C-alpha cells in the first residue's frame, strides 16, 4: 500500500472512527484502525464488535493495500503532524507503516488486516432512505430518554419502528418516554421493528456531517445488525434482542388540564428549580392556576432544599381546565425542554398521580411522557 492524503482529512476521519475502538480487549487487533484503499478513496474502520464505524476520505492511491494501525499511536501521531500532505507506505513483509509529512518520518508496527473482523458487504439491498437532518433531530429528541441501567437491556435501546409509511423512534427508562416520528421518503416500506442501542444512535448523530443529505438504514436478515450508510460514513451496530414495552399504552389518551407556555421561559424556570432540587431527589412542584377575566393563567415551578433554600418562578400560560398541583423530576423537564425547538410547549396533566405529557405546540410528530413524583408537603 502506498497512499497520500491531507493531514486535515486524515485527522478528521480518525476522530470519527476512534470512538469505536475497543478500549480493553483480548484481541489486540480491536485496538487498531483498519486502513484500506477502496474505490479510489482511503477507508478507515474501527470496531469493538458491538459498534463499528467507517469513514472514507479522499486520497491519492499509488498502490492498493490494507493493514491495521494501533489506534492510539496513530491518532496521536496524525494530530501532531503539520497541516500538509501525509505520505504512507506499507512494508508488507514486516507489516510496518511508514508515515511521512514534512520533516516528520515515522514507522509504526501494524497487524495484518486479515485478523480484523469482517466488514459488512457493500451490496446490501432493501435499505430505507432517511433525511439526515430529520434523523439527527429524532435522535436528539429521543435517545437521551433511554435507560443507562443494563439490568433491563431493552430499555438501553431505542425502538425503531415503521408502520404505515411512518418511521418512529421511541425510548423509555421506566420514568419517562420520548416518541418522535416522521413520514418516510419512500412510504411504501414494509413494516419493521428493531431495538437499536441508544449509544449507537448517539454516535451516528455525532458522525453524520451537515454535508450529508440522506442516510440509508439497512437491517440485513439473520445478521442481527443495523447498518447506516451515507456518502462518507458507515455505522454498524448489533441490535438488542427482546421485546420493547408497548409504549402506546403508556401515553395518556386525555387530560384534565392543558397549559400552553413559552418553551424558553419554562426551561429557565426548571433550570433555576434544579439548583435547589438537587438535594431533594430532583423533585420540583408544578402549580398550575387557570386565568380569570382579568388575570392570565400561571404555572409556578418551585423547589425546596433543607440545605440550600427554596426557589419559585412564575411563568404566564394559557390554561384550559382545572387547577392542579403535581411534582416531576425537574432534571427530566430540563432535558426534554432543551431538545424542543418550537417556541411554545404544552403540558397536559390530569391528577397529581397521573403522567404528564409534553408536546411542542404546532407539531404532532413528537411527544414526551414523564411520570409524576410524590407530592410532599
Protein backbone atom coordinates (compact mmCIF):
# COMPACT_ATOMS: atom_id res chain seq x y z
CA UNK A 1 0.00 0.00 0.00
CA UNK A 2 1.21 3.46 -0.93
CA UNK A 3 -1.11 6.43 -0.48
CA UNK A 4 -1.07 10.20 0.06
CA UNK A 5 -3.73 12.36 1.71
CA UNK A 6 -4.12 15.65 3.56
CA UNK A 7 -3.37 15.67 7.29
CA UNK A 8 -6.62 17.55 7.94
CA UNK A 9 -8.72 14.89 6.22
CA UNK A 10 -6.87 12.02 7.88
CA UNK A 11 -7.23 13.58 11.35
CA UNK A 12 -10.95 14.18 10.81
CA UNK A 13 -11.54 10.63 9.60
CA UNK A 14 -9.68 9.18 12.57
CA UNK A 15 -11.66 11.33 15.00
CA UNK A 16 -14.86 9.85 13.56
CA UNK A 17 -13.88 6.18 13.86
CA UNK A 18 -11.76 6.30 17.03
CA UNK A 19 -14.80 6.15 19.35
CA UNK A 20 -15.49 2.59 18.13
CA UNK A 21 -12.02 1.31 19.05
CA UNK A 22 -12.14 -1.31 21.81
CA UNK A 23 -10.58 0.14 24.96
CA UNK A 24 -9.88 -3.24 26.57
CA UNK A 25 -9.96 -6.44 24.58
CA UNK A 26 -8.28 -9.81 24.47
CA UNK A 27 -7.98 -9.32 20.70
CA UNK A 28 -5.15 -6.83 20.05
CA UNK A 29 -6.47 -6.06 16.54
CA UNK A 30 -9.60 -4.47 18.05
CA UNK A 31 -7.34 -1.73 19.41
CA UNK A 32 -6.35 -0.92 15.82
CA UNK A 33 -7.84 1.09 12.98
CA UNK A 34 -8.18 -0.63 9.63
CA UNK A 35 -6.69 1.36 6.75
CA UNK A 36 -7.64 0.16 3.28
CA UNK A 37 -7.70 1.52 -0.27
CA UNK A 38 -11.18 1.26 -1.74
CA UNK A 39 -12.61 2.70 -4.97
CA UNK A 40 -10.03 5.47 -5.16
CA UNK A 41 -10.50 6.52 -1.54
CA UNK A 42 -8.96 5.61 1.80
CA UNK A 43 -11.18 3.64 4.17
CA UNK A 44 -10.71 3.98 7.94
CA UNK A 45 -12.63 1.49 10.10
CA UNK A 46 -12.76 0.60 13.80
CA UNK A 47 -14.93 -1.81 15.79
CA UNK A 48 -15.40 -3.17 19.30
CA UNK A 49 -17.62 -5.99 17.92
CA UNK A 50 -20.77 -4.23 19.18
CA UNK A 51 -20.27 -0.98 17.28
CA UNK A 52 -18.32 -0.36 14.09
CA UNK A 53 -17.67 2.97 12.37
CA UNK A 54 -16.14 3.60 8.94
CA UNK A 55 -15.09 6.87 7.35
CA UNK A 56 -13.93 7.34 3.77
CA UNK A 57 -11.56 10.18 2.91
CA UNK A 58 -10.11 11.44 -0.34
CA UNK A 59 -6.61 10.17 -1.11
CA UNK A 60 -4.15 9.62 -3.93
CA UNK A 61 -3.76 5.86 -4.31
CA UNK A 62 -0.37 4.87 -5.71
CA UNK A 63 -0.51 1.21 -4.64
CA UNK A 64 -3.54 -0.71 -3.34
CA UNK A 65 -3.33 -2.38 0.05
CA UNK A 66 -4.64 -2.70 3.58
CA UNK A 67 -3.40 -3.01 7.17
CA UNK A 68 -4.42 -2.17 10.74
CA UNK A 69 -2.65 0.50 12.76
CA UNK A 70 -2.62 0.89 16.59
CA UNK A 71 -5.36 3.48 17.09
CA UNK A 72 -3.94 5.48 19.98
CA UNK A 73 -0.48 5.74 18.43
CA UNK A 74 -1.80 6.66 15.00
CA UNK A 75 -4.36 9.22 16.22
CA UNK A 76 -1.86 10.96 18.47
CA UNK A 77 0.77 10.99 15.73
CA UNK A 78 -1.51 12.36 12.99
CA UNK A 79 -2.72 15.12 15.32
CA UNK A 80 0.88 16.29 15.78
CA UNK A 81 1.75 16.31 12.07
CA UNK A 82 1.79 19.61 10.14
CA UNK A 83 -1.25 20.55 8.08
CA UNK A 84 0.34 19.24 4.92
CA UNK A 85 0.33 16.16 2.75
CA UNK A 86 0.82 12.84 4.57
CA UNK A 87 2.53 10.02 2.66
CA UNK A 88 2.05 6.44 3.88
CA UNK A 89 3.73 3.28 2.62
CA UNK A 90 3.30 -0.23 3.97
CA UNK A 91 6.12 -2.78 4.03
CA UNK A 92 4.04 -5.93 3.73
CA UNK A 93 6.70 -8.39 4.91
CA UNK A 94 7.18 -6.68 8.29
CA UNK A 95 3.72 -5.03 8.49
CA UNK A 96 5.40 -1.67 9.11
CA UNK A 97 3.67 1.54 8.03
CA UNK A 98 5.96 4.43 7.18
CA UNK A 99 4.25 7.78 7.76
CA UNK A 100 5.91 10.92 6.38
CA UNK A 101 4.87 14.55 6.48
CA UNK A 102 7.23 17.49 6.16
CA UNK A 103 10.16 16.88 8.49
CA UNK A 104 8.40 14.00 10.25
CA UNK A 105 9.34 10.40 9.46
CA UNK A 106 7.69 7.61 11.47
CA UNK A 107 7.49 3.82 11.34
CA UNK A 108 4.50 2.14 13.03
CA UNK A 109 4.22 -1.59 13.74
CA UNK A 110 0.89 -2.88 12.37
CA UNK A 111 -1.23 -6.05 12.49
CA UNK A 112 -2.26 -7.88 9.32
CA UNK A 113 -5.72 -6.81 8.14
CA UNK A 114 -6.76 -10.47 7.81
CA UNK A 115 -7.12 -10.56 11.59
CA UNK A 116 -9.62 -7.66 11.57
CA UNK A 117 -13.29 -8.67 11.94
CA UNK A 118 -15.14 -8.92 8.61
CA UNK A 119 -16.91 -5.78 7.45
CA UNK A 120 -20.48 -5.67 6.09
CA UNK A 121 -20.73 -6.33 2.35
CA UNK A 122 -21.10 -3.29 0.16
CA UNK A 123 -24.00 -4.67 -1.91
CA UNK A 124 -26.75 -4.85 0.76
CA UNK A 125 -30.20 -4.20 -0.68
CA UNK A 126 -33.57 -3.17 0.82
CA UNK A 127 -32.36 -0.04 2.55
CA UNK A 128 -34.63 2.65 4.00
CA UNK A 129 -33.67 6.16 2.94
CA UNK A 130 -33.85 8.78 5.70
CA UNK A 131 -33.29 12.53 5.64
CA UNK A 132 -30.13 13.26 7.65
CA UNK A 133 -31.41 16.48 9.22
CA UNK A 134 -34.65 14.82 10.34
CA UNK A 135 -32.86 11.73 11.64
CA UNK A 136 -30.40 13.77 13.70
CA UNK A 137 -33.27 15.72 15.25
CA UNK A 138 -35.13 12.49 16.01
CA UNK A 139 -32.08 11.01 17.75
CA UNK A 140 -31.53 14.21 19.73
CA UNK A 141 -35.14 14.20 20.94
CA UNK A 142 -35.34 10.51 21.83
CA UNK A 143 -32.03 8.81 22.67
CA UNK A 144 -31.48 10.70 25.94
CA UNK A 145 -34.62 9.08 27.42
CA UNK A 146 -33.19 5.55 27.14
CA UNK A 147 -32.07 3.84 30.33
CA UNK A 148 -28.43 3.57 31.34
CA UNK A 149 -29.16 0.55 33.58
CA UNK A 150 -28.06 -2.71 31.98
CA UNK A 151 -30.44 -4.66 34.24
CA UNK A 152 -33.12 -4.23 31.54
CA UNK A 153 -31.18 -4.30 28.27
CA UNK A 154 -34.18 -3.49 26.03
CA UNK A 155 -34.61 -0.14 27.81
CA UNK A 156 -31.00 0.83 27.00
CA UNK A 157 -32.07 0.78 23.37
CA UNK A 158 -34.31 2.84 21.11
CA UNK A 159 -37.18 1.16 19.32
CA UNK A 160 -37.10 1.87 15.58
CA UNK A 161 -40.45 1.13 14.00
CA UNK A 162 -42.05 1.54 10.59
CA UNK A 163 -45.84 1.45 10.36
CA UNK A 164 -47.98 2.82 7.52
CA UNK A 165 -45.14 4.75 5.90
CA UNK A 166 -44.06 6.47 9.12
CA UNK A 167 -40.70 5.97 10.83
CA UNK A 168 -40.79 6.22 14.62
CA UNK A 169 -38.12 6.23 17.32
CA UNK A 170 -39.19 5.59 20.93
CA UNK A 171 -37.15 5.36 24.14
CA UNK A 172 -38.17 4.83 27.77
CA UNK A 173 -36.39 4.25 31.07
CA UNK A 174 -39.38 3.45 33.29
CA UNK A 175 -39.82 7.08 34.39
CA UNK A 176 -40.24 8.82 31.04
CA UNK A 177 -40.98 8.09 27.41
CA UNK A 178 -39.93 10.01 24.29
CA UNK A 179 -41.56 9.34 20.91
CA UNK A 180 -40.67 11.04 17.61
CA UNK A 181 -41.96 10.10 14.16
CA UNK A 182 -41.56 11.27 10.58
CA UNK A 183 -43.02 10.37 7.20
CA UNK A 184 -40.66 8.28 5.09
CA UNK A 185 -39.20 9.49 1.81
CA UNK A 186 -40.39 6.17 0.29
CA UNK A 187 -43.68 5.46 2.08
CA UNK A 188 -44.19 2.01 0.52
CA UNK A 189 -41.82 0.41 3.01
CA UNK A 190 -42.55 -2.88 4.73
CA UNK A 191 -43.32 -2.70 8.49
CA UNK A 192 -40.39 -3.40 10.80
CA UNK A 193 -39.31 -3.27 14.43
CA UNK A 194 -35.78 -3.24 15.80
CA UNK A 195 -34.18 -2.17 19.07
CA UNK A 196 -31.02 -0.16 18.40
CA UNK A 197 -28.61 0.68 21.27
CA UNK A 198 -29.05 4.32 22.27
CA UNK A 199 -25.28 4.75 22.30
CA UNK A 200 -25.09 3.66 18.65
CA UNK A 201 -27.67 6.25 17.63
CA UNK A 202 -25.87 8.94 19.63
CA UNK A 203 -22.66 8.05 17.81
CA UNK A 204 -24.50 8.16 14.49
CA UNK A 205 -25.74 11.65 15.35
CA UNK A 206 -22.14 12.64 16.10
CA UNK A 207 -20.56 11.29 12.93
CA UNK A 208 -23.19 12.36 10.39
CA UNK A 209 -21.94 15.60 8.89
CA UNK A 210 -24.04 18.55 7.82
CA UNK A 211 -22.93 17.91 4.26
CA UNK A 212 -24.78 14.58 4.13
CA UNK A 213 -28.35 14.84 2.82
CA UNK A 214 -29.59 11.26 3.15
CA UNK A 215 -28.56 8.12 5.01
CA UNK A 216 -29.72 4.58 4.28
CA UNK A 217 -30.68 2.20 7.08
CA UNK A 218 -30.23 -1.50 6.37
CA UNK A 219 -31.46 -4.37 8.53
CA UNK A 220 -29.97 -7.46 6.87
CA UNK A 221 -31.98 -10.61 7.56
CA UNK A 222 -30.42 -13.01 10.06
CA UNK A 223 -27.46 -10.71 10.83
CA UNK A 224 -28.85 -9.12 14.00
CA UNK A 225 -27.34 -5.82 12.93
CA UNK A 226 -28.36 -2.40 11.72
CA UNK A 227 -26.21 -0.63 9.15
CA UNK A 228 -26.41 3.10 8.46
CA UNK A 229 -24.70 4.24 5.28
CA UNK A 230 -24.12 7.76 3.98
CA UNK A 231 -21.75 9.02 1.30
CA UNK A 232 -18.65 9.11 3.52
CA UNK A 233 -19.79 7.34 6.68
CA UNK A 234 -20.92 3.87 7.71
CA UNK A 235 -22.02 2.81 11.19
CA UNK A 236 -22.79 -0.80 12.11
CA UNK A 237 -24.36 -1.81 15.41
CA UNK A 238 -25.56 -5.03 16.97
CA UNK A 239 -29.28 -4.96 17.70
CA UNK A 240 -30.69 -5.61 21.18
CA UNK A 241 -32.74 -8.77 21.46
CA UNK A 242 -36.02 -8.73 23.35
CA UNK A 243 -39.44 -7.15 23.29
CA UNK A 244 -39.80 -3.41 23.75
CA UNK A 245 -42.67 -2.35 26.06
CA UNK A 246 -45.96 -1.35 24.45
CA UNK A 247 -45.22 2.35 24.64
CA UNK A 248 -48.56 3.34 23.09
CA UNK A 249 -50.28 2.03 26.21
CA UNK A 250 -48.22 4.40 28.38
CA UNK A 251 -49.36 7.56 26.59
CA UNK A 252 -52.42 9.16 28.27
CA UNK A 253 -55.35 9.47 25.88
CA UNK A 254 -56.92 12.51 27.55
CA UNK A 255 -56.20 15.22 30.11
CA UNK A 256 -57.95 17.45 32.63
CA UNK A 257 -55.68 20.48 32.25
CA UNK A 258 -53.68 21.75 29.28
CA UNK A 259 -51.17 24.55 29.77
CA UNK A 260 -49.52 26.33 26.84
CA UNK A 261 -46.48 28.44 27.66
CA UNK A 262 -43.14 29.66 26.36
CA UNK A 263 -40.62 26.85 25.94
CA UNK A 264 -37.71 29.15 26.83
CA UNK A 265 -39.47 30.58 29.91
CA UNK A 266 -40.37 27.14 31.27
CA UNK A 267 -36.85 25.89 30.52
CA UNK A 268 -35.30 28.74 32.53
CA UNK A 269 -37.76 28.18 35.40
CA UNK A 270 -36.87 24.49 35.52
CA UNK A 271 -33.14 25.24 35.38
CA UNK A 272 -33.49 27.52 38.40
CA UNK A 273 -35.56 24.93 40.28
CA UNK A 274 -33.00 22.22 39.55
CA UNK A 275 -30.38 24.14 41.53
CA UNK A 276 -32.46 23.77 44.69
CA UNK A 277 -33.90 20.33 43.86
CA UNK A 278 -30.56 18.53 43.77
CA UNK A 279 -30.79 17.61 47.45
CA UNK A 280 -34.44 16.56 47.18
CA UNK A 281 -34.24 13.78 44.57
CA UNK A 282 -34.61 16.46 41.84
CA UNK A 283 -38.27 16.90 42.77
CA UNK A 284 -39.93 20.16 41.73
CA UNK A 285 -43.51 21.21 42.34
CA UNK A 286 -45.60 22.46 39.43
CA UNK A 287 -48.64 24.52 40.46
CA UNK A 288 -51.00 25.26 37.55
CA UNK A 289 -53.56 28.03 38.06
CA UNK A 290 -56.05 28.87 35.28
CA UNK A 291 -56.55 32.54 34.49
CA UNK A 292 -59.53 34.76 35.16
CA UNK A 293 -61.19 37.52 33.16
CA UNK A 294 -58.58 39.95 34.48
CA UNK A 295 -55.52 37.79 35.26
CA UNK A 296 -53.56 35.40 32.97
CA UNK A 297 -53.08 31.77 33.90
CA UNK A 298 -49.82 30.85 35.58
CA UNK A 299 -47.53 27.88 36.00
CA UNK A 300 -45.41 28.11 39.13
CA UNK A 301 -42.27 25.99 39.29
CA UNK A 302 -40.77 25.63 42.77
CA UNK A 303 -38.20 23.56 44.63
CA UNK A 304 -37.09 23.44 48.25
CA UNK A 305 -33.90 22.19 49.86
CA UNK A 306 -33.32 21.98 53.58
CA UNK A 307 -29.64 22.74 52.96
CA UNK A 308 -29.65 25.45 50.27
CA UNK A 309 -33.03 27.18 50.42
CA UNK A 310 -36.00 27.48 48.08
CA UNK A 311 -36.97 28.80 44.66
CA UNK A 312 -40.17 29.87 42.93
CA UNK A 313 -40.61 31.00 39.35
CA UNK A 314 -43.94 32.00 37.81
CA UNK A 315 -44.50 31.65 34.07
CA UNK A 316 -47.56 33.11 32.31
CA UNK A 317 -49.58 30.49 30.47
CA UNK A 318 -52.79 29.88 28.56
CA UNK A 319 -54.59 27.21 30.57
CA UNK A 320 -57.61 25.10 29.74
CA UNK A 321 -59.20 23.06 32.52
CA UNK A 322 -58.87 22.74 36.27
CA UNK A 323 -56.13 23.89 38.64
CA UNK A 324 -53.66 21.12 39.50
CA UNK A 325 -50.53 20.64 41.54
CA UNK A 326 -48.06 17.96 40.55
CA UNK A 327 -44.39 17.09 41.12
CA UNK A 328 -41.90 15.99 38.48
CA UNK A 329 -38.20 15.17 38.33
CA UNK A 330 -37.09 18.63 37.20
CA UNK A 331 -33.93 17.26 35.61
CA UNK A 332 -36.16 15.32 33.21
CA UNK A 333 -38.06 18.52 32.38
CA UNK A 334 -34.81 20.40 31.69
CA UNK A 335 -33.60 17.63 29.37
CA UNK A 336 -36.81 17.46 27.35
CA UNK A 337 -37.26 21.23 27.05
CA UNK A 338 -33.65 21.51 25.87
CA UNK A 339 -34.45 19.46 22.74
CA UNK A 340 -37.72 21.19 21.79
CA UNK A 341 -37.18 23.79 19.08
CA UNK A 342 -40.73 25.14 18.87
CA UNK A 343 -41.27 28.49 20.69
CA UNK A 344 -44.22 27.19 22.72
CA UNK A 345 -44.87 23.94 24.52
CA UNK A 346 -47.97 22.34 26.02
CA UNK A 347 -48.13 20.46 29.31
CA UNK A 348 -51.08 18.07 29.66
CA UNK A 349 -51.93 16.90 33.17
CA UNK A 350 -54.80 15.12 34.94
CA UNK A 351 -54.10 14.30 38.60
CA UNK A 352 -51.05 14.54 40.89
CA UNK A 353 -50.51 10.79 40.42
CA UNK A 354 -51.02 10.68 36.63
CA UNK A 355 -48.29 11.06 33.98
CA UNK A 356 -47.79 14.42 32.32
CA UNK A 357 -47.44 14.82 28.56
CA UNK A 358 -45.23 17.49 26.97
CA UNK A 359 -45.70 18.38 23.31
CA UNK A 360 -44.25 21.13 21.12
CA UNK A 361 -47.11 23.37 20.02
CA UNK A 362 -47.61 23.25 16.26
CA UNK A 363 -46.05 19.80 15.76
CA UNK A 364 -47.75 16.44 16.10
CA UNK A 365 -44.58 14.42 15.42
CA UNK A 366 -43.17 14.49 18.96
CA UNK A 367 -44.35 13.85 22.50
CA UNK A 368 -42.75 13.15 25.84
CA UNK A 369 -44.40 11.41 28.79
CA UNK A 370 -42.98 11.93 32.28
CA UNK A 371 -44.12 10.09 35.41
CA UNK A 372 -45.01 12.20 38.47
CA UNK A 373 -43.14 12.10 41.77
CA UNK A 374 -44.64 12.01 45.25
CA UNK A 375 -46.08 15.39 46.10
CA UNK A 376 -44.62 16.20 49.52
CA UNK A 377 -45.96 18.75 51.92
